[in-house]
Amino acid sequence: MIFSRLLPLAIAISQVACVSVHSWWNVPSGFGNIKELVSSIRVPKGSDPVNTYWMANGFTGGYMGFQHNSANERRILFSVWDDGKGSTVDVLKKGRGVIAKGFGGEGTGSQSYKVFNWKAQDTVYFKVKSQVNEEKNETRLSGYYSTNGGKTWNFMATFLAHKQKLYLSSPYGFLENFGSDQSTLKEGFYGNQTITSTTGKVAHISKFSFTHTTPVRNGEFYEQKQRLGPSKEVYMRIDGSKNQGIYSPPSNPQ
């Protein structure tokens, strides 16, 4: 398996060799346990082909973002998996129109998704909240999304992770092609990365580090940048040709 336990990504559910790029949030030293993650994604028009996953809020034990699944379907996703040591993850609540259930394969846990026609060029916000019960050794994790800049939030689901204290450690985002088409450009702008600690401290993340899968097929060009200026967005792209993309040619093609 390509990824460590921190990076199961969509390879755990797609069963294919996926190309992906990852942006790791630089959490301030001594920040403490994280109870909330917020971030946003904006996809340029024409760079949103099917079989692509833009993941906004990843952490040790789960992730949340959106996918383009078919010509007629797009989804918001929120998933939590067990720790591989006997824990289970149950669905406690789910929002209107949300499908929530357990999953298996390379790892087990619970997942939720909602068919939602998000559009390229629009900014979608995502939020994950953790409530750890130290005495019971369990965690409630809830996911939300917003289409109006975080003014109002749409509830996805709440999961109960037994035998796990899942603070939201090692936050990251990724862009992944979980299909077979490398000819079509896939891009995303990731921004507004904000963390909140269990003591109420808030930090707006402005520094990131990058990783990526080792290209396994011809044409898997990739690029990862932190944009300059006040927005401090992260830009990531995969696939397409060298002369495509917001920044072209890619600075780090295979």
Protein backbone atom coordinates (compact mmCIF):
# COMPACT_ATOMS: atom_id res chain seq x y z
CA MET A 1 0.00 0.00 0.00
CA ILE A 2 1.43 3.38 -1.06
CA PHE A 3 0.26 5.43 1.90
CA SER A 4 0.81 5.24 5.61
CA ARG A 5 -2.05 5.11 8.10
CA LEU A 6 -2.16 8.93 7.92
CA LEU A 7 -2.76 8.84 4.18
CA PRO A 8 -5.26 6.09 3.27
CA LEU A 9 -6.87 8.54 0.83
CA ALA A 10 -9.33 7.26 -1.72
CA ILE A 11 -7.11 4.32 -2.63
CA ALA A 12 -8.74 2.56 0.31
CA ILE A 13 -12.12 2.65 -1.38
CA SER A 14 -11.30 2.78 -5.08
CA GLN A 15 -9.03 -0.27 -5.33
CA VAL A 16 -6.96 1.38 -8.10
CA ALA A 17 -3.50 2.92 -8.27
CA CYS A 18 -4.42 6.59 -7.92
CA VAL A 19 -2.26 9.60 -8.58
CA SER A 20 -2.62 12.27 -5.92
CA VAL A 21 -0.96 15.37 -4.48
CA HIS A 22 -1.19 16.42 -0.82
CA SER A 23 -0.81 19.69 1.10
CA TRP A 24 0.05 19.33 4.80
CA TRP A 25 -0.95 22.18 7.13
CA ASN A 26 1.89 23.61 9.23
CA VAL A 27 0.34 23.60 12.73
CA PRO A 28 2.04 26.09 15.11
CA SER A 29 4.32 24.50 17.69
CA GLY A 30 2.61 23.95 21.04
CA PHE A 31 -0.86 24.60 19.63
CA GLY A 32 -2.39 21.67 21.51
CA ASN A 33 -5.14 19.24 20.58
CA ILE A 34 -7.27 20.33 17.63
CA LYS A 35 -11.06 20.12 17.95
CA GLU A 36 -12.10 21.83 14.71
CA LEU A 37 -10.88 22.11 11.12
CA VAL A 38 -12.25 24.56 8.54
CA SER A 39 -11.12 25.10 4.95
CA SER A 40 -12.44 25.79 1.47
CA ILE A 41 -11.98 24.57 -2.11
CA ARG A 42 -12.53 26.36 -5.41
CA VAL A 43 -12.14 24.45 -8.68
CA PRO A 44 -11.42 26.38 -11.90
CA LYS A 45 -14.03 26.00 -14.62
CA GLY A 46 -13.19 23.14 -16.95
CA SER A 47 -10.83 21.52 -14.46
CA ASP A 48 -13.48 19.39 -12.74
CA PRO A 49 -13.66 16.11 -14.70
CA VAL A 50 -15.31 12.94 -13.41
CA ASN A 51 -13.45 10.54 -11.12
CA THR A 52 -11.72 13.34 -9.24
CA TYR A 53 -11.64 13.88 -5.47
CA TRP A 54 -10.84 17.27 -3.94
CA MET A 55 -10.31 16.61 -0.23
CA ALA A 56 -10.40 19.66 2.06
CA ASN A 57 -10.14 18.51 5.69
CA GLY A 58 -8.06 15.41 6.23
CA PHE A 59 -6.84 14.23 9.64
CA THR A 60 -5.54 11.10 11.31
CA GLY A 61 -8.61 8.89 11.06
CA GLY A 62 -10.79 10.57 8.45
CA TYR A 63 -11.40 13.16 5.76
CA MET A 64 -13.99 15.41 4.12
CA GLY A 65 -14.31 16.99 0.68
CA PHE A 66 -16.14 16.63 -2.62
CA GLN A 67 -16.03 14.46 -5.74
CA HIS A 68 -17.23 14.48 -9.34
CA ASN A 69 -18.53 10.94 -9.66
CA SER A 70 -20.29 10.76 -13.04
CA ALA A 71 -21.76 12.93 -15.77
CA ASN A 72 -24.89 13.29 -13.64
CA GLU A 73 -23.60 13.14 -10.08
CA ARG A 74 -21.37 15.10 -7.71
CA ARG A 75 -21.00 14.40 -4.00
CA ILE A 76 -19.97 15.86 -0.66
CA LEU A 77 -18.16 13.21 1.42
CA PHE A 78 -17.25 12.74 5.07
CA SER A 79 -15.67 9.51 6.34
CA VAL A 80 -14.08 8.15 9.51
CA TRP A 81 -12.33 4.80 9.80
CA ASP A 82 -11.27 2.58 12.66
CA ASP A 83 -7.71 2.27 13.92
CA GLY A 84 -7.20 -1.34 12.84
CA LYS A 85 -6.95 -2.43 16.47
CA GLY A 86 -10.49 -3.53 17.20
CA SER A 87 -12.29 -0.20 17.21
CA THR A 88 -15.60 0.38 15.41
CA VAL A 89 -17.21 3.51 14.00
CA ASP A 90 -21.00 3.92 14.21
CA VAL A 91 -23.34 6.41 12.55
CA LEU A 92 -25.10 8.45 15.24
CA LYS A 93 -26.91 11.04 13.10
CA LYS A 94 -27.09 12.11 9.49
CA GLY A 95 -28.38 15.18 7.70
CA ARG A 96 -31.24 15.46 5.24
CA GLY A 97 -30.49 13.66 1.99
CA VAL A 98 -27.30 12.12 3.37
CA ILE A 99 -26.42 8.44 2.89
CA ALA A 100 -24.42 7.13 5.85
CA LYS A 101 -23.20 3.56 6.34
CA GLY A 102 -20.24 1.38 7.20
CA PHE A 103 -17.55 0.48 4.65
CA GLY A 104 -14.93 -2.21 4.24
CA GLY A 105 -12.00 -2.97 1.98
CA GLU A 106 -8.55 -1.65 2.88
CA GLY A 107 -9.69 -0.59 6.33
CA THR A 108 -13.14 -0.29 7.85
CA GLY A 109 -15.21 2.52 9.29
CA SER A 110 -18.23 4.62 8.40
CA GLN A 111 -18.79 6.99 5.53
CA SER A 112 -21.40 9.53 4.51
CA TYR A 113 -22.12 11.26 1.25
CA LYS A 114 -24.69 13.60 -0.18
CA VAL A 115 -25.46 14.04 -3.85
CA PHE A 116 -24.93 17.76 -4.30
CA ASN A 117 -24.40 19.70 -7.53
CA TRP A 118 -21.43 21.83 -6.49
CA LYS A 119 -20.17 23.95 -9.36
CA ALA A 120 -16.73 24.84 -10.65
CA GLN A 121 -15.64 28.40 -9.75
CA ASP A 122 -17.86 28.39 -6.63
CA THR A 123 -16.14 28.23 -3.23
CA VAL A 124 -17.34 25.47 -0.91
CA TYR A 125 -16.35 25.48 2.78
CA PHE A 126 -15.93 22.36 4.91
CA LYS A 127 -15.86 21.90 8.69
CA VAL A 128 -15.04 18.90 10.90
CA LYS A 129 -15.56 18.93 14.67
CA SER A 130 -14.24 16.46 17.24
CA GLN A 131 -15.60 15.78 20.73
CA VAL A 132 -13.33 13.42 22.63
CA ASN A 133 -14.61 11.64 25.74
CA GLU A 134 -11.46 10.77 27.64
CA GLU A 135 -13.25 8.67 30.26
CA LYS A 136 -15.11 6.50 27.73
CA ASN A 137 -12.18 6.45 25.29
CA GLU A 138 -14.40 7.45 22.38
CA THR A 139 -14.89 10.35 19.99
CA ARG A 140 -17.83 11.97 18.23
CA LEU A 141 -16.89 13.48 14.87
CA SER A 142 -19.23 15.70 12.88
CA GLY A 143 -18.95 17.10 9.35
CA TYR A 144 -20.55 20.16 7.75
CA TYR A 145 -20.32 22.11 4.48
CA SER A 146 -21.25 25.65 3.48
CA THR A 147 -21.88 27.40 0.17
CA ASN A 148 -22.13 30.94 1.55
CA GLY A 149 -18.68 31.47 3.00
CA GLY A 150 -19.38 29.75 6.32
CA LYS A 151 -22.34 31.96 7.30
CA THR A 152 -24.56 28.89 7.56
CA TRP A 153 -23.55 25.23 7.70
CA ASN A 154 -25.22 22.12 6.28
CA PHE A 155 -24.93 19.06 8.50
CA MET A 156 -23.58 15.85 6.97
CA ALA A 157 -23.23 13.29 9.77
CA THR A 158 -21.97 12.51 13.26
CA PHE A 159 -19.95 9.34 13.82
CA LEU A 160 -19.00 7.68 17.09
CA ALA A 161 -15.51 6.20 17.04
CA HIS A 162 -15.21 3.62 19.85
CA LYS A 163 -11.86 3.01 21.54
CA GLN A 164 -10.33 6.04 19.84
CA LYS A 165 -9.44 9.53 21.03
CA LEU A 166 -9.48 11.28 17.67
CA TYR A 167 -8.28 14.80 18.01
CA LEU A 168 -7.87 16.29 14.55
CA SER A 169 -4.14 15.76 14.17
CA SER A 170 -1.99 16.03 11.03
CA PRO A 171 -4.47 18.11 8.98
CA TYR A 172 -4.00 18.07 5.21
CA GLY A 173 -5.77 18.32 1.86
CA PHE A 174 -5.36 16.42 -1.39
CA LEU A 175 -6.33 16.23 -5.05
CA GLU A 176 -6.77 12.77 -6.51
CA ASN A 177 -7.62 11.10 -9.80
CA PHE A 178 -9.43 7.89 -8.84
CA GLY A 179 -10.19 6.98 -12.47
CA SER A 180 -8.03 6.13 -15.46
CA ASP A 181 -8.09 9.37 -17.51
CA GLN A 182 -4.78 11.24 -17.39
CA SER A 183 -5.52 13.40 -20.43
CA THR A 184 -7.85 15.83 -18.65
CA LEU A 185 -6.50 18.56 -16.38
CA LYS A 186 -7.59 18.54 -12.74
CA GLU A 187 -6.96 21.62 -10.57
CA GLY A 188 -8.01 23.10 -7.24
CA PHE A 189 -7.43 26.13 -5.01
CA TYR A 190 -7.43 25.28 -1.28
CA GLY A 191 -7.86 28.13 1.19
CA ASN A 192 -9.15 29.46 4.52
CA GLN A 193 -7.40 26.70 6.49
CA THR A 194 -8.29 27.36 10.14
CA ILE A 195 -7.81 25.25 13.26
CA THR A 196 -9.29 25.57 16.75
CA SER A 197 -7.81 23.92 19.84
CA THR A 198 -9.64 22.32 22.75
CA THR A 199 -8.68 25.39 24.80
CA GLY A 200 -10.21 27.79 22.27
CA LYS A 201 -7.05 28.94 20.49
CA VAL A 202 -7.52 29.73 16.77
CA ALA A 203 -4.84 29.68 14.07
CA HIS A 204 -5.12 30.53 10.38
CA ILE A 205 -2.67 28.32 8.55
CA SER A 206 -0.40 30.10 6.07
CA LYS A 207 2.42 27.59 5.58
CA PHE A 208 2.23 24.13 4.01
CA SER A 209 4.42 21.24 2.97
CA PHE A 210 3.75 19.01 -0.01
CA THR A 211 3.91 15.32 -0.88
CA HIS A 212 2.73 13.32 -3.88
CA THR A 213 2.47 9.79 -5.14
CA THR A 214 5.27 8.56 -7.35
CA PRO A 215 3.92 8.74 -10.93
CA VAL A 216 3.05 5.24 -12.10
CA ARG A 217 1.75 6.04 -15.60
CA ASN A 218 2.89 8.35 -18.39
CA GLY A 219 1.30 11.80 -18.42
CA GLU A 220 0.73 12.18 -14.68
CA PHE A 221 2.02 15.73 -14.47
CA TYR A 222 1.53 17.40 -11.12
CA GLU A 223 2.09 20.77 -9.51
CA GLN A 224 1.81 22.13 -5.98
CA LYS A 225 2.22 25.79 -5.09
CA GLN A 226 1.45 28.12 -2.24
CA ARG A 227 0.13 31.28 -3.88
CA LEU A 228 1.66 34.57 -2.89
CA GLY A 229 -0.40 37.54 -1.75
CA PRO A 230 -3.14 37.97 0.85
CA SER A 231 -5.16 34.89 -0.15
CA LYS A 232 -2.35 32.43 0.69
CA GLU A 233 -4.25 29.70 -1.13
CA VAL A 234 -2.70 26.38 -2.05
CA TYR A 235 -2.87 25.44 -5.73
CA MET A 236 -2.60 21.82 -6.84
CA ARG A 237 -2.96 20.17 -10.23
CA ILE A 238 -2.56 16.72 -11.76
CA ASP A 239 -2.84 15.26 -15.26
CA GLY A 240 -3.46 17.11 -18.52
CA SER A 241 -0.69 18.31 -20.81
CA LYS A 242 2.31 20.49 -20.02
CA ASN A 243 0.73 23.55 -21.63
CA GLN A 244 -2.44 23.40 -19.52
CA GLY A 245 -3.21 24.77 -16.08
CA ILE A 246 -3.18 28.09 -14.25
CA TYR A 247 0.61 27.82 -14.06
CA SER A 248 2.07 26.20 -17.15
CA PRO A 249 4.17 24.34 -17.88
CA PRO A 250 4.24 22.46 -14.57
CA SER A 251 7.35 23.15 -12.53
CA ASN A 252 7.69 19.54 -11.45
CA PRO A 253 6.48 17.17 -14.19
CA GLN A 254 7.54 13.54 -14.15
